[in-house]
């Protein structure tokens, strides 16, 4: 999974679901 893919997945899932683990600190 690339950084971009991870960011997209986290952003997409974060808005829809809040059960997914928090993204890595490197994202911020």
N, C-alpha and C. Protein backbone atom coordinates (compact mmCIF):
# COMPACT_ATOMS: atom_id res chain seq x y z
N UNK A 1 0.85 -1.21 0.00
CA UNK A 1 0.00 0.00 0.00
C UNK A 1 0.88 1.25 0.00
N UNK A 2 0.65 2.10 -0.93
CA UNK A 2 1.46 3.33 -1.00
C UNK A 2 0.96 4.37 0.01
N UNK A 3 1.78 5.38 0.23
CA UNK A 3 1.37 6.44 1.17
C UNK A 3 0.08 7.09 0.68
N UNK A 4 0.02 7.32 -0.62
CA UNK A 4 -1.18 7.97 -1.17
C UNK A 4 -2.39 7.08 -0.98
N UNK A 5 -2.22 5.79 -1.25
CA UNK A 5 -3.36 4.87 -1.09
C UNK A 5 -3.82 4.84 0.36
N UNK A 6 -2.85 4.79 1.26
CA UNK A 6 -3.20 4.75 2.68
C UNK A 6 -3.98 6.00 3.06
N UNK A 7 -3.48 7.14 2.61
CA UNK A 7 -4.16 8.40 2.94
C UNK A 7 -5.58 8.38 2.39
N UNK A 8 -5.74 7.94 1.16
CA UNK A 8 -7.08 7.94 0.56
C UNK A 8 -8.00 6.99 1.35
N UNK A 9 -7.50 5.81 1.62
CA UNK A 9 -8.32 4.84 2.34
C UNK A 9 -8.69 5.36 3.72
N UNK A 10 -7.71 5.94 4.42
CA UNK A 10 -8.00 6.44 5.77
C UNK A 10 -9.00 7.58 5.72
N UNK A 11 -8.80 8.50 4.78
CA UNK A 11 -9.72 9.64 4.68
C UNK A 11 -11.12 9.16 4.32
N UNK A 12 -11.18 8.20 3.40
CA UNK A 12 -12.48 7.69 2.96
C UNK A 12 -13.16 6.91 4.08
N UNK A 13 -12.39 6.02 4.70
CA UNK A 13 -12.97 5.21 5.78
C UNK A 13 -13.24 6.06 7.02
N UNK A 14 -12.36 7.00 7.28
CA UNK A 14 -12.54 7.84 8.48
C UNK A 14 -13.87 8.57 8.44
N UNK A 15 -14.24 9.04 7.27
CA UNK A 15 -15.52 9.78 7.18
C UNK A 15 -16.70 8.83 7.28
N UNK A 16 -16.53 7.65 6.72
CA UNK A 16 -17.66 6.70 6.73
C UNK A 16 -17.69 5.92 8.04
N UNK A 17 -16.54 5.38 8.43
CA UNK A 17 -16.50 4.58 9.67
C UNK A 17 -15.45 5.13 10.61
N UNK A 18 -15.69 5.00 11.90
CA UNK A 18 -14.73 5.50 12.88
C UNK A 18 -14.13 4.33 13.66
N UNK A 19 -14.33 3.10 13.16
CA UNK A 19 -13.81 1.93 13.86
C UNK A 19 -12.41 1.56 13.38
N UNK A 20 -12.00 2.15 12.27
CA UNK A 20 -10.68 1.81 11.72
C UNK A 20 -9.58 2.40 12.59
N UNK A 21 -8.42 1.79 12.64
CA UNK A 21 -7.31 2.32 13.45
C UNK A 21 -6.87 3.68 12.96
N UNK A 22 -6.30 4.46 13.86
CA UNK A 22 -5.87 5.81 13.48
C UNK A 22 -4.70 5.73 12.51
N UNK A 23 -4.61 6.67 11.59
CA UNK A 23 -3.51 6.68 10.62
C UNK A 23 -2.17 6.96 11.31
N UNK A 24 -1.07 6.60 10.66
CA UNK A 24 0.25 6.83 11.25
C UNK A 24 0.52 8.31 11.47
N UNK A 25 1.38 8.61 12.42
CA UNK A 25 1.69 10.01 12.73
C UNK A 25 2.35 10.68 11.53
N UNK A 26 3.01 9.89 10.69
CA UNK A 26 3.71 10.46 9.53
C UNK A 26 2.70 11.10 8.57
N UNK A 27 1.43 10.73 8.69
CA UNK A 27 0.43 11.29 7.78
C UNK A 27 0.26 12.79 8.02
N UNK A 28 0.36 13.19 9.28
CA UNK A 28 0.13 14.60 9.59
C UNK A 28 1.35 15.43 9.22
